[in-house]
PDBML (XML) file of the C-alpha atoms, coordinates in Angstrom:
<?xml version="1.0" encoding="UTF-8" ?>
<PDBx:datablock datablockName="MODEL"
   xmlns:PDBx="http://pdbml.pdb.org/schema/pdbx-v50.xsd"
   xmlns:xsi="http://www.w3.org/2001/XMLSchema-instance"
   xsi:schemaLocation="http://pdbml.pdb.org/schema/pdbx-v50.xsd pdbx-v50.xsd">
   <PDBx:atom_siteCategory>
      <PDBx:atom_site id="1">
         <PDBx:B_iso_or_equiv>0.00</PDBx:B_iso_or_equiv>
         <PDBx:Cartn_x>0.017</PDBx:Cartn_x>
         <PDBx:Cartn_y>-0.083</PDBx:Cartn_y>
         <PDBx:Cartn_z>-0.032</PDBx:Cartn_z>
         <PDBx:auth_asym_id>A</PDBx:auth_asym_id>
         <PDBx:auth_atom_id>CA</PDBx:auth_atom_id>
         <PDBx:auth_comp_id>UNK</PDBx:auth_comp_id>
         <PDBx:auth_seq_id>1</PDBx:auth_seq_id>
         <PDBx:group_PDB>ATOM</PDBx:group_PDB>
         <PDBx:label_alt_id xsi:nil="true" />
         <PDBx:label_asym_id>A</PDBx:label_asym_id>
         <PDBx:label_atom_id>CA</PDBx:label_atom_id>
         <PDBx:label_comp_id>UNK</PDBx:label_comp_id>
         <PDBx:label_entity_id>1</PDBx:label_entity_id>
         <PDBx:label_seq_id>1</PDBx:label_seq_id>
         <PDBx:occupancy>1.00</PDBx:occupancy>
         <PDBx:pdbx_PDB_model_num>1</PDBx:pdbx_PDB_model_num>
         <PDBx:type_symbol>C</PDBx:type_symbol>
      </PDBx:atom_site>
      <PDBx:atom_site id="2">
         <PDBx:B_iso_or_equiv>0.00</PDBx:B_iso_or_equiv>
         <PDBx:Cartn_x>2.802</PDBx:Cartn_x>
         <PDBx:Cartn_y>2.467</PDBx:Cartn_y>
         <PDBx:Cartn_z>0.737</PDBx:Cartn_z>
         <PDBx:auth_asym_id>A</PDBx:auth_asym_id>
         <PDBx:auth_atom_id>CA</PDBx:auth_atom_id>
         <PDBx:auth_comp_id>UNK</PDBx:auth_comp_id>
         <PDBx:auth_seq_id>2</PDBx:auth_seq_id>
         <PDBx:group_PDB>ATOM</PDBx:group_PDB>
         <PDBx:label_alt_id xsi:nil="true" />
         <PDBx:label_asym_id>A</PDBx:label_asym_id>
         <PDBx:label_atom_id>CA</PDBx:label_atom_id>
         <PDBx:label_comp_id>UNK</PDBx:label_comp_id>
         <PDBx:label_entity_id>1</PDBx:label_entity_id>
         <PDBx:label_seq_id>2</PDBx:label_seq_id>
         <PDBx:occupancy>1.00</PDBx:occupancy>
         <PDBx:pdbx_PDB_model_num>1</PDBx:pdbx_PDB_model_num>
         <PDBx:type_symbol>C</PDBx:type_symbol>
      </PDBx:atom_site>
      <PDBx:atom_site id="3">
         <PDBx:B_iso_or_equiv>0.00</PDBx:B_iso_or_equiv>
         <PDBx:Cartn_x>4.433</PDBx:Cartn_x>
         <PDBx:Cartn_y>1.763</PDBx:Cartn_y>
         <PDBx:Cartn_z>-2.598</PDBx:Cartn_z>
         <PDBx:auth_asym_id>A</PDBx:auth_asym_id>
         <PDBx:auth_atom_id>CA</PDBx:auth_atom_id>
         <PDBx:auth_comp_id>UNK</PDBx:auth_comp_id>
         <PDBx:auth_seq_id>3</PDBx:auth_seq_id>
         <PDBx:group_PDB>ATOM</PDBx:group_PDB>
         <PDBx:label_alt_id xsi:nil="true" />
         <PDBx:label_asym_id>A</PDBx:label_asym_id>
         <PDBx:label_atom_id>CA</PDBx:label_atom_id>
         <PDBx:label_comp_id>UNK</PDBx:label_comp_id>
         <PDBx:label_entity_id>1</PDBx:label_entity_id>
         <PDBx:label_seq_id>3</PDBx:label_seq_id>
         <PDBx:occupancy>1.00</PDBx:occupancy>
         <PDBx:pdbx_PDB_model_num>1</PDBx:pdbx_PDB_model_num>
         <PDBx:type_symbol>C</PDBx:type_symbol>
      </PDBx:atom_site>
      <PDBx:atom_site id="4">
         <PDBx:B_iso_or_equiv>0.00</PDBx:B_iso_or_equiv>
         <PDBx:Cartn_x>0.927</PDBx:Cartn_x>
         <PDBx:Cartn_y>2.402</PDBx:Cartn_y>
         <PDBx:Cartn_z>-4.305</PDBx:Cartn_z>
         <PDBx:auth_asym_id>A</PDBx:auth_asym_id>
         <PDBx:auth_atom_id>CA</PDBx:auth_atom_id>
         <PDBx:auth_comp_id>UNK</PDBx:auth_comp_id>
         <PDBx:auth_seq_id>4</PDBx:auth_seq_id>
         <PDBx:group_PDB>ATOM</PDBx:group_PDB>
         <PDBx:label_alt_id xsi:nil="true" />
         <PDBx:label_asym_id>A</PDBx:label_asym_id>
         <PDBx:label_atom_id>CA</PDBx:label_atom_id>
         <PDBx:label_comp_id>UNK</PDBx:label_comp_id>
         <PDBx:label_entity_id>1</PDBx:label_entity_id>
         <PDBx:label_seq_id>4</PDBx:label_seq_id>
         <PDBx:occupancy>1.00</PDBx:occupancy>
         <PDBx:pdbx_PDB_model_num>1</PDBx:pdbx_PDB_model_num>
         <PDBx:type_symbol>C</PDBx:type_symbol>
      </PDBx:atom_site>
      <PDBx:atom_site id="5">
         <PDBx:B_iso_or_equiv>0.00</PDBx:B_iso_or_equiv>
         <PDBx:Cartn_x>0.600</PDBx:Cartn_x>
         <PDBx:Cartn_y>5.558</PDBx:Cartn_y>
         <PDBx:Cartn_z>-2.353</PDBx:Cartn_z>
         <PDBx:auth_asym_id>A</PDBx:auth_asym_id>
         <PDBx:auth_atom_id>CA</PDBx:auth_atom_id>
         <PDBx:auth_comp_id>UNK</PDBx:auth_comp_id>
         <PDBx:auth_seq_id>5</PDBx:auth_seq_id>
         <PDBx:group_PDB>ATOM</PDBx:group_PDB>
         <PDBx:label_alt_id xsi:nil="true" />
         <PDBx:label_asym_id>A</PDBx:label_asym_id>
         <PDBx:label_atom_id>CA</PDBx:label_atom_id>
         <PDBx:label_comp_id>UNK</PDBx:label_comp_id>
         <PDBx:label_entity_id>1</PDBx:label_entity_id>
         <PDBx:label_seq_id>5</PDBx:label_seq_id>
         <PDBx:occupancy>1.00</PDBx:occupancy>
         <PDBx:pdbx_PDB_model_num>1</PDBx:pdbx_PDB_model_num>
         <PDBx:type_symbol>C</PDBx:type_symbol>
      </PDBx:atom_site>
      <PDBx:atom_site id="6">
         <PDBx:B_iso_or_equiv>0.00</PDBx:B_iso_or_equiv>
         <PDBx:Cartn_x>3.938</PDBx:Cartn_x>
         <PDBx:Cartn_y>6.782</PDBx:Cartn_y>
         <PDBx:Cartn_z>-3.441</PDBx:Cartn_z>
         <PDBx:auth_asym_id>A</PDBx:auth_asym_id>
         <PDBx:auth_atom_id>CA</PDBx:auth_atom_id>
         <PDBx:auth_comp_id>UNK</PDBx:auth_comp_id>
         <PDBx:auth_seq_id>6</PDBx:auth_seq_id>
         <PDBx:group_PDB>ATOM</PDBx:group_PDB>
         <PDBx:label_alt_id xsi:nil="true" />
         <PDBx:label_asym_id>A</PDBx:label_asym_id>
         <PDBx:label_atom_id>CA</PDBx:label_atom_id>
         <PDBx:label_comp_id>UNK</PDBx:label_comp_id>
         <PDBx:label_entity_id>1</PDBx:label_entity_id>
         <PDBx:label_seq_id>6</PDBx:label_seq_id>
         <PDBx:occupancy>1.00</PDBx:occupancy>
         <PDBx:pdbx_PDB_model_num>1</PDBx:pdbx_PDB_model_num>
         <PDBx:type_symbol>C</PDBx:type_symbol>
      </PDBx:atom_site>
      <PDBx:atom_site id="7">
         <PDBx:B_iso_or_equiv>0.00</PDBx:B_iso_or_equiv>
         <PDBx:Cartn_x>3.215</PDBx:Cartn_x>
         <PDBx:Cartn_y>5.901</PDBx:Cartn_y>
         <PDBx:Cartn_z>-7.150</PDBx:Cartn_z>
         <PDBx:auth_asym_id>A</PDBx:auth_asym_id>
         <PDBx:auth_atom_id>CA</PDBx:auth_atom_id>
         <PDBx:auth_comp_id>UNK</PDBx:auth_comp_id>
         <PDBx:auth_seq_id>7</PDBx:auth_seq_id>
         <PDBx:group_PDB>ATOM</PDBx:group_PDB>
         <PDBx:label_alt_id xsi:nil="true" />
         <PDBx:label_asym_id>A</PDBx:label_asym_id>
         <PDBx:label_atom_id>CA</PDBx:label_atom_id>
         <PDBx:label_comp_id>UNK</PDBx:label_comp_id>
         <PDBx:label_entity_id>1</PDBx:label_entity_id>
         <PDBx:label_seq_id>7</PDBx:label_seq_id>
         <PDBx:occupancy>1.00</PDBx:occupancy>
         <PDBx:pdbx_PDB_model_num>1</PDBx:pdbx_PDB_model_num>
         <PDBx:type_symbol>C</PDBx:type_symbol>
      </PDBx:atom_site>
      <PDBx:atom_site id="8">
         <PDBx:B_iso_or_equiv>0.00</PDBx:B_iso_or_equiv>
         <PDBx:Cartn_x>0.218</PDBx:Cartn_x>
         <PDBx:Cartn_y>7.876</PDBx:Cartn_y>
         <PDBx:Cartn_z>-6.975</PDBx:Cartn_z>
         <PDBx:auth_asym_id>A</PDBx:auth_asym_id>
         <PDBx:auth_atom_id>CA</PDBx:auth_atom_id>
         <PDBx:auth_comp_id>UNK</PDBx:auth_comp_id>
         <PDBx:auth_seq_id>8</PDBx:auth_seq_id>
         <PDBx:group_PDB>ATOM</PDBx:group_PDB>
         <PDBx:label_alt_id xsi:nil="true" />
         <PDBx:label_asym_id>A</PDBx:label_asym_id>
         <PDBx:label_atom_id>CA</PDBx:label_atom_id>
         <PDBx:label_comp_id>UNK</PDBx:label_comp_id>
         <PDBx:label_entity_id>1</PDBx:label_entity_id>
         <PDBx:label_seq_id>8</PDBx:label_seq_id>
         <PDBx:occupancy>1.00</PDBx:occupancy>
         <PDBx:pdbx_PDB_model_num>1</PDBx:pdbx_PDB_model_num>
         <PDBx:type_symbol>C</PDBx:type_symbol>
      </PDBx:atom_site>
      <PDBx:atom_site id="9">
         <PDBx:B_iso_or_equiv>0.00</PDBx:B_iso_or_equiv>
         <PDBx:Cartn_x>1.716</PDBx:Cartn_x>
         <PDBx:Cartn_y>10.849</PDBx:Cartn_y>
         <PDBx:Cartn_z>-5.356</PDBx:Cartn_z>
         <PDBx:auth_asym_id>A</PDBx:auth_asym_id>
         <PDBx:auth_atom_id>CA</PDBx:auth_atom_id>
         <PDBx:auth_comp_id>UNK</PDBx:auth_comp_id>
         <PDBx:auth_seq_id>9</PDBx:auth_seq_id>
         <PDBx:group_PDB>ATOM</PDBx:group_PDB>
         <PDBx:label_alt_id xsi:nil="true" />
         <PDBx:label_asym_id>A</PDBx:label_asym_id>
         <PDBx:label_atom_id>CA</PDBx:label_atom_id>
         <PDBx:label_comp_id>UNK</PDBx:label_comp_id>
         <PDBx:label_entity_id>1</PDBx:label_entity_id>
         <PDBx:label_seq_id>9</PDBx:label_seq_id>
         <PDBx:occupancy>1.00</PDBx:occupancy>
         <PDBx:pdbx_PDB_model_num>1</PDBx:pdbx_PDB_model_num>
         <PDBx:type_symbol>C</PDBx:type_symbol>
      </PDBx:atom_site>
      <PDBx:atom_site id="10">
         <PDBx:B_iso_or_equiv>0.00</PDBx:B_iso_or_equiv>
         <PDBx:Cartn_x>4.386</PDBx:Cartn_x>
         <PDBx:Cartn_y>10.712</PDBx:Cartn_y>
         <PDBx:Cartn_z>-8.135</PDBx:Cartn_z>
         <PDBx:auth_asym_id>A</PDBx:auth_asym_id>
         <PDBx:auth_atom_id>CA</PDBx:auth_atom_id>
         <PDBx:auth_comp_id>UNK</PDBx:auth_comp_id>
         <PDBx:auth_seq_id>10</PDBx:auth_seq_id>
         <PDBx:group_PDB>ATOM</PDBx:group_PDB>
         <PDBx:label_alt_id xsi:nil="true" />
         <PDBx:label_asym_id>A</PDBx:label_asym_id>
         <PDBx:label_atom_id>CA</PDBx:label_atom_id>
         <PDBx:label_comp_id>UNK</PDBx:label_comp_id>
         <PDBx:label_entity_id>1</PDBx:label_entity_id>
         <PDBx:label_seq_id>10</PDBx:label_seq_id>
         <PDBx:occupancy>1.00</PDBx:occupancy>
         <PDBx:pdbx_PDB_model_num>1</PDBx:pdbx_PDB_model_num>
         <PDBx:type_symbol>C</PDBx:type_symbol>
      </PDBx:atom_site>
      <PDBx:atom_site id="11">
         <PDBx:B_iso_or_equiv>0.00</PDBx:B_iso_or_equiv>
         <PDBx:Cartn_x>1.718</PDBx:Cartn_x>
         <PDBx:Cartn_y>10.417</PDBx:Cartn_y>
         <PDBx:Cartn_z>-10.699</PDBx:Cartn_z>
         <PDBx:auth_asym_id>A</PDBx:auth_asym_id>
         <PDBx:auth_atom_id>CA</PDBx:auth_atom_id>
         <PDBx:auth_comp_id>UNK</PDBx:auth_comp_id>
         <PDBx:auth_seq_id>11</PDBx:auth_seq_id>
         <PDBx:group_PDB>ATOM</PDBx:group_PDB>
         <PDBx:label_alt_id xsi:nil="true" />
         <PDBx:label_asym_id>A</PDBx:label_asym_id>
         <PDBx:label_atom_id>CA</PDBx:label_atom_id>
         <PDBx:label_comp_id>UNK</PDBx:label_comp_id>
         <PDBx:label_entity_id>1</PDBx:label_entity_id>
         <PDBx:label_seq_id>11</PDBx:label_seq_id>
         <PDBx:occupancy>1.00</PDBx:occupancy>
         <PDBx:pdbx_PDB_model_num>1</PDBx:pdbx_PDB_model_num>
         <PDBx:type_symbol>C</PDBx:type_symbol>
      </PDBx:atom_site>
      <PDBx:atom_site id="12">
         <PDBx:B_iso_or_equiv>0.00</PDBx:B_iso_or_equiv>
         <PDBx:Cartn_x>0.022</PDBx:Cartn_x>
         <PDBx:Cartn_y>13.519</PDBx:Cartn_y>
         <PDBx:Cartn_z>-9.396</PDBx:Cartn_z>
         <PDBx:auth_asym_id>A</PDBx:auth_asym_id>
         <PDBx:auth_atom_id>CA</PDBx:auth_atom_id>
         <PDBx:auth_comp_id>UNK</PDBx:auth_comp_id>
         <PDBx:auth_seq_id>12</PDBx:auth_seq_id>
         <PDBx:group_PDB>ATOM</PDBx:group_PDB>
         <PDBx:label_alt_id xsi:nil="true" />
         <PDBx:label_asym_id>A</PDBx:label_asym_id>
         <PDBx:label_atom_id>CA</PDBx:label_atom_id>
         <PDBx:label_comp_id>UNK</PDBx:label_comp_id>
         <PDBx:label_entity_id>1</PDBx:label_entity_id>
         <PDBx:label_seq_id>12</PDBx:label_seq_id>
         <PDBx:occupancy>1.00</PDBx:occupancy>
         <PDBx:pdbx_PDB_model_num>1</PDBx:pdbx_PDB_model_num>
         <PDBx:type_symbol>C</PDBx:type_symbol>
      </PDBx:atom_site>
      <PDBx:atom_site id="13">
         <PDBx:B_iso_or_equiv>0.00</PDBx:B_iso_or_equiv>
         <PDBx:Cartn_x>3.017</PDBx:Cartn_x>
         <PDBx:Cartn_y>15.214</PDBx:Cartn_y>
         <PDBx:Cartn_z>-9.291</PDBx:Cartn_z>
         <PDBx:auth_asym_id>A</PDBx:auth_asym_id>
         <PDBx:auth_atom_id>CA</PDBx:auth_atom_id>
         <PDBx:auth_comp_id>UNK</PDBx:auth_comp_id>
         <PDBx:auth_seq_id>13</PDBx:auth_seq_id>
         <PDBx:group_PDB>ATOM</PDBx:group_PDB>
         <PDBx:label_alt_id xsi:nil="true" />
         <PDBx:label_asym_id>A</PDBx:label_asym_id>
         <PDBx:label_atom_id>CA</PDBx:label_atom_id>
         <PDBx:label_comp_id>UNK</PDBx:label_comp_id>
         <PDBx:label_entity_id>1</PDBx:label_entity_id>
         <PDBx:label_seq_id>13</PDBx:label_seq_id>
         <PDBx:occupancy>1.00</PDBx:occupancy>
         <PDBx:pdbx_PDB_model_num>1</PDBx:pdbx_PDB_model_num>
         <PDBx:type_symbol>C</PDBx:type_symbol>
      </PDBx:atom_site>
      <PDBx:atom_site id="14">
         <PDBx:B_iso_or_equiv>0.00</PDBx:B_iso_or_equiv>
         <PDBx:Cartn_x>3.881</PDBx:Cartn_x>
         <PDBx:Cartn_y>14.516</PDBx:Cartn_y>
         <PDBx:Cartn_z>-12.866</PDBx:Cartn_z>
         <PDBx:auth_asym_id>A</PDBx:auth_asym_id>
         <PDBx:auth_atom_id>CA</PDBx:auth_atom_id>
         <PDBx:auth_comp_id>UNK</PDBx:auth_comp_id>
         <PDBx:auth_seq_id>14</PDBx:auth_seq_id>
         <PDBx:group_PDB>ATOM</PDBx:group_PDB>
         <PDBx:label_alt_id xsi:nil="true" />
         <PDBx:label_asym_id>A</PDBx:label_asym_id>
         <PDBx:label_atom_id>CA</PDBx:label_atom_id>
         <PDBx:label_comp_id>UNK</PDBx:label_comp_id>
         <PDBx:label_entity_id>1</PDBx:label_entity_id>
         <PDBx:label_seq_id>14</PDBx:label_seq_id>
         <PDBx:occupancy>1.00</PDBx:occupancy>
         <PDBx:pdbx_PDB_model_num>1</PDBx:pdbx_PDB_model_num>
         <PDBx:type_symbol>C</PDBx:type_symbol>
      </PDBx:atom_site>
      <PDBx:atom_site id="15">
         <PDBx:B_iso_or_equiv>0.00</PDBx:B_iso_or_equiv>
         <PDBx:Cartn_x>0.431</PDBx:Cartn_x>
         <PDBx:Cartn_y>15.485</PDBx:Cartn_y>
         <PDBx:Cartn_z>-14.094</PDBx:Cartn_z>
         <PDBx:auth_asym_id>A</PDBx:auth_asym_id>
         <PDBx:auth_atom_id>CA</PDBx:auth_atom_id>
         <PDBx:auth_comp_id>UNK</PDBx:auth_comp_id>
         <PDBx:auth_seq_id>15</PDBx:auth_seq_id>
         <PDBx:group_PDB>ATOM</PDBx:group_PDB>
         <PDBx:label_alt_id xsi:nil="true" />
         <PDBx:label_asym_id>A</PDBx:label_asym_id>
         <PDBx:label_atom_id>CA</PDBx:label_atom_id>
         <PDBx:label_comp_id>UNK</PDBx:label_comp_id>
         <PDBx:label_entity_id>1</PDBx:label_entity_id>
         <PDBx:label_seq_id>15</PDBx:label_seq_id>
         <PDBx:occupancy>1.00</PDBx:occupancy>
         <PDBx:pdbx_PDB_model_num>1</PDBx:pdbx_PDB_model_num>
         <PDBx:type_symbol>C</PDBx:type_symbol>
      </PDBx:atom_site>
      <PDBx:atom_site id="16">
         <PDBx:B_iso_or_equiv>0.00</PDBx:B_iso_or_equiv>
         <PDBx:Cartn_x>0.719</PDBx:Cartn_x>
         <PDBx:Cartn_y>18.889</PDBx:Cartn_y>
         <PDBx:Cartn_z>-12.475</PDBx:Cartn_z>
         <PDBx:auth_asym_id>A</PDBx:auth_asym_id>
         <PDBx:auth_atom_id>CA</PDBx:auth_atom_id>
         <PDBx:auth_comp_id>UNK</PDBx:auth_comp_id>
         <PDBx:auth_seq_id>16</PDBx:auth_seq_id>
         <PDBx:group_PDB>ATOM</PDBx:group_PDB>
         <PDBx:label_alt_id xsi:nil="true" />
         <PDBx:label_asym_id>A</PDBx:label_asym_id>
         <PDBx:label_atom_id>CA</PDBx:label_atom_id>
         <PDBx:label_comp_id>UNK</PDBx:label_comp_id>
         <PDBx:label_entity_id>1</PDBx:label_entity_id>
         <PDBx:label_seq_id>16</PDBx:label_seq_id>
         <PDBx:occupancy>1.00</PDBx:occupancy>
         <PDBx:pdbx_PDB_model_num>1</PDBx:pdbx_PDB_model_num>
         <PDBx:type_symbol>C</PDBx:type_symbol>
      </PDBx:atom_site>
      <PDBx:atom_site id="17">
         <PDBx:B_iso_or_equiv>0.00</PDBx:B_iso_or_equiv>
         <PDBx:Cartn_x>4.119</PDBx:Cartn_x>
         <PDBx:Cartn_y>19.345</PDBx:Cartn_y>
         <PDBx:Cartn_z>-14.159</PDBx:Cartn_z>
         <PDBx:auth_asym_id>A</PDBx:auth_asym_id>
         <PDBx:auth_atom_id>CA</PDBx:auth_atom_id>
         <PDBx:auth_comp_id>UNK</PDBx:auth_comp_id>
         <PDBx:auth_seq_id>17</PDBx:auth_seq_id>
         <PDBx:group_PDB>ATOM</PDBx:group_PDB>
         <PDBx:label_alt_id xsi:nil="true" />
         <PDBx:label_asym_id>A</PDBx:label_asym_id>
         <PDBx:label_atom_id>CA</PDBx:label_atom_id>
         <PDBx:label_comp_id>UNK</PDBx:label_comp_id>
         <PDBx:label_entity_id>1</PDBx:label_entity_id>
         <PDBx:label_seq_id>17</PDBx:label_seq_id>
         <PDBx:occupancy>1.00</PDBx:occupancy>
         <PDBx:pdbx_PDB_model_num>1</PDBx:pdbx_PDB_model_num>
         <PDBx:type_symbol>C</PDBx:type_symbol>
      </PDBx:atom_site>
      <PDBx:atom_site id="18">
         <PDBx:B_iso_or_equiv>0.00</PDBx:B_iso_or_equiv>
         <PDBx:Cartn_x>2.483</PDBx:Cartn_x>
         <PDBx:Cartn_y>18.275</PDBx:Cartn_y>
         <PDBx:Cartn_z>-17.492</PDBx:Cartn_z>
         <PDBx:auth_asym_id>A</PDBx:auth_asym_id>
         <PDBx:auth_atom_id>CA</PDBx:auth_atom_id>
         <PDBx:auth_comp_id>UNK</PDBx:auth_comp_id>
         <PDBx:auth_seq_id>18</PDBx:auth_seq_id>
         <PDBx:group_PDB>ATOM</PDBx:group_PDB>
         <PDBx:label_alt_id xsi:nil="true" />
         <PDBx:label_asym_id>A</PDBx:label_asym_id>
         <PDBx:label_atom_id>CA</PDBx:label_atom_id>
         <PDBx:label_comp_id>UNK</PDBx:label_comp_id>
         <PDBx:label_entity_id>1</PDBx:label_entity_id>
         <PDBx:label_seq_id>18</PDBx:label_seq_id>
         <PDBx:occupancy>1.00</PDBx:occupancy>
         <PDBx:pdbx_PDB_model_num>1</PDBx:pdbx_PDB_model_num>
         <PDBx:type_symbol>C</PDBx:type_symbol>
      </PDBx:atom_site>
      <PDBx:atom_site id="19">
         <PDBx:B_iso_or_equiv>0.00</PDBx:B_iso_or_equiv>
         <PDBx:Cartn_x>-0.175</PDBx:Cartn_x>
         <PDBx:Cartn_y>20.848</PDBx:Cartn_y>
         <PDBx:Cartn_z>-16.795</PDBx:Cartn_z>
         <PDBx:auth_asym_id>A</PDBx:auth_asym_id>
         <PDBx:auth_atom_id>CA</PDBx:auth_atom_id>
         <PDBx:auth_comp_id>UNK</PDBx:auth_comp_id>
         <PDBx:auth_seq_id>19</PDBx:auth_seq_id>
         <PDBx:group_PDB>ATOM</PDBx:group_PDB>
         <PDBx:label_alt_id xsi:nil="true" />
         <PDBx:label_asym_id>A</PDBx:label_asym_id>
         <PDBx:label_atom_id>CA</PDBx:label_atom_id>
         <PDBx:label_comp_id>UNK</PDBx:label_comp_id>
         <PDBx:label_entity_id>1</PDBx:label_entity_id>
         <PDBx:label_seq_id>19</PDBx:label_seq_id>
         <PDBx:occupancy>1.00</PDBx:occupancy>
         <PDBx:pdbx_PDB_model_num>1</PDBx:pdbx_PDB_model_num>
         <PDBx:type_symbol>C</PDBx:type_symbol>
      </PDBx:atom_site>
      <PDBx:atom_site id="20">
         <PDBx:B_iso_or_equiv>0.00</PDBx:B_iso_or_equiv>
         <PDBx:Cartn_x>2.276</PDBx:Cartn_x>
         <PDBx:Cartn_y>23.653</PDBx:Cartn_y>
         <PDBx:Cartn_z>-16.205</PDBx:Cartn_z>
         <PDBx:auth_asym_id>A</PDBx:auth_asym_id>
         <PDBx:auth_atom_id>CA</PDBx:auth_atom_id>
         <PDBx:auth_comp_id>UNK</PDBx:auth_comp_id>
         <PDBx:auth_seq_id>20</PDBx:auth_seq_id>
         <PDBx:group_PDB>ATOM</PDBx:group_PDB>
         <PDBx:label_alt_id xsi:nil="true" />
         <PDBx:label_asym_id>A</PDBx:label_asym_id>
         <PDBx:label_atom_id>CA</PDBx:label_atom_id>
         <PDBx:label_comp_id>UNK</PDBx:label_comp_id>
         <PDBx:label_entity_id>1</PDBx:label_entity_id>
         <PDBx:label_seq_id>20</PDBx:label_seq_id>
         <PDBx:occupancy>1.00</PDBx:occupancy>
         <PDBx:pdbx_PDB_model_num>1</PDBx:pdbx_PDB_model_num>
         <PDBx:type_symbol>C</PDBx:type_symbol>
      </PDBx:atom_site>
      <PDBx:atom_site id="21">
         <PDBx:B_iso_or_equiv>0.00</PDBx:B_iso_or_equiv>
         <PDBx:Cartn_x>4.270</PDBx:Cartn_x>
         <PDBx:Cartn_y>22.735</PDBx:Cartn_y>
         <PDBx:Cartn_z>-19.293</PDBx:Cartn_z>
         <PDBx:auth_asym_id>A</PDBx:auth_asym_id>
         <PDBx:auth_atom_id>CA</PDBx:auth_atom_id>
         <PDBx:auth_comp_id>UNK</PDBx:auth_comp_id>
         <PDBx:auth_seq_id>21</PDBx:auth_seq_id>
         <PDBx:group_PDB>ATOM</PDBx:group_PDB>
         <PDBx:label_alt_id xsi:nil="true" />
         <PDBx:label_asym_id>A</PDBx:label_asym_id>
         <PDBx:label_atom_id>CA</PDBx:label_atom_id>
         <PDBx:label_comp_id>UNK</PDBx:label_comp_id>
         <PDBx:label_entity_id>1</PDBx:label_entity_id>
         <PDBx:label_seq_id>21</PDBx:label_seq_id>
         <PDBx:occupancy>1.00</PDBx:occupancy>
         <PDBx:pdbx_PDB_model_num>1</PDBx:pdbx_PDB_model_num>
         <PDBx:type_symbol>C</PDBx:type_symbol>
      </PDBx:atom_site>
      <PDBx:atom_site id="22">
         <PDBx:B_iso_or_equiv>0.00</PDBx:B_iso_or_equiv>
         <PDBx:Cartn_x>0.924</PDBx:Cartn_x>
         <PDBx:Cartn_y>22.690</PDBx:Cartn_y>
         <PDBx:Cartn_z>-21.382</PDBx:Cartn_z>
         <PDBx:auth_asym_id>A</PDBx:auth_asym_id>
         <PDBx:auth_atom_id>CA</PDBx:auth_atom_id>
         <PDBx:auth_comp_id>UNK</PDBx:auth_comp_id>
         <PDBx:auth_seq_id>22</PDBx:auth_seq_id>
         <PDBx:group_PDB>ATOM</PDBx:group_PDB>
         <PDBx:label_alt_id xsi:nil="true" />
         <PDBx:label_asym_id>A</PDBx:label_asym_id>
         <PDBx:label_atom_id>CA</PDBx:label_atom_id>
         <PDBx:label_comp_id>UNK</PDBx:label_comp_id>
         <PDBx:label_entity_id>1</PDBx:label_entity_id>
         <PDBx:label_seq_id>22</PDBx:label_seq_id>
         <PDBx:occupancy>1.00</PDBx:occupancy>
         <PDBx:pdbx_PDB_model_num>1</PDBx:pdbx_PDB_model_num>
         <PDBx:type_symbol>C</PDBx:type_symbol>
      </PDBx:atom_site>
      <PDBx:atom_site id="23">
         <PDBx:B_iso_or_equiv>0.00</PDBx:B_iso_or_equiv>
         <PDBx:Cartn_x>-0.213</PDBx:Cartn_x>
         <PDBx:Cartn_y>26.027</PDBx:Cartn_y>
         <PDBx:Cartn_z>-19.868</PDBx:Cartn_z>
         <PDBx:auth_asym_id>A</PDBx:auth_asym_id>
         <PDBx:auth_atom_id>CA</PDBx:auth_atom_id>
         <PDBx:auth_comp_id>UNK</PDBx:auth_comp_id>
         <PDBx:auth_seq_id>23</PDBx:auth_seq_id>
         <PDBx:group_PDB>ATOM</PDBx:group_PDB>
         <PDBx:label_alt_id xsi:nil="true" />
         <PDBx:label_asym_id>A</PDBx:label_asym_id>
         <PDBx:label_atom_id>CA</PDBx:label_atom_id>
         <PDBx:label_comp_id>UNK</PDBx:label_comp_id>
         <PDBx:label_entity_id>1</PDBx:label_entity_id>
         <PDBx:label_seq_id>23</PDBx:label_seq_id>
         <PDBx:occupancy>1.00</PDBx:occupancy>
         <PDBx:pdbx_PDB_model_num>1</PDBx:pdbx_PDB_model_num>
         <PDBx:type_symbol>C</PDBx:type_symbol>
      </PDBx:atom_site>
      <PDBx:atom_site id="24">
         <PDBx:B_iso_or_equiv>0.00</PDBx:B_iso_or_equiv>
         <PDBx:Cartn_x>2.926</PDBx:Cartn_x>
         <PDBx:Cartn_y>28.076</PDBx:Cartn_y>
         <PDBx:Cartn_z>-20.239</PDBx:Cartn_z>
         <PDBx:auth_asym_id>A</PDBx:auth_asym_id>
         <PDBx:auth_atom_id>CA</PDBx:auth_atom_id>
         <PDBx:auth_comp_id>UNK</PDBx:auth_comp_id>
         <PDBx:auth_seq_id>24</PDBx:auth_seq_id>
         <PDBx:group_PDB>ATOM</PDBx:group_PDB>
         <PDBx:label_alt_id xsi:nil="true" />
         <PDBx:label_asym_id>A</PDBx:label_asym_id>
         <PDBx:label_atom_id>CA</PDBx:label_atom_id>
         <PDBx:label_comp_id>UNK</PDBx:label_comp_id>
         <PDBx:label_entity_id>1</PDBx:label_entity_id>
         <PDBx:label_seq_id>24</PDBx:label_seq_id>
         <PDBx:occupancy>1.00</PDBx:occupancy>
         <PDBx:pdbx_PDB_model_num>1</PDBx:pdbx_PDB_model_num>
         <PDBx:type_symbol>C</PDBx:type_symbol>
      </PDBx:atom_site>
   </PDBx:atom_siteCategory>
</PDBx:datablock>
C-alpha cells in the first residue's frame, strides 16, 4: 500500500508538471 501511495503521489506530481508545461 505504501508503494501504491508513493506511485500515486508521483503520478499526481507528474500530472501537475505536465499541466504547467502545457499552460505556459
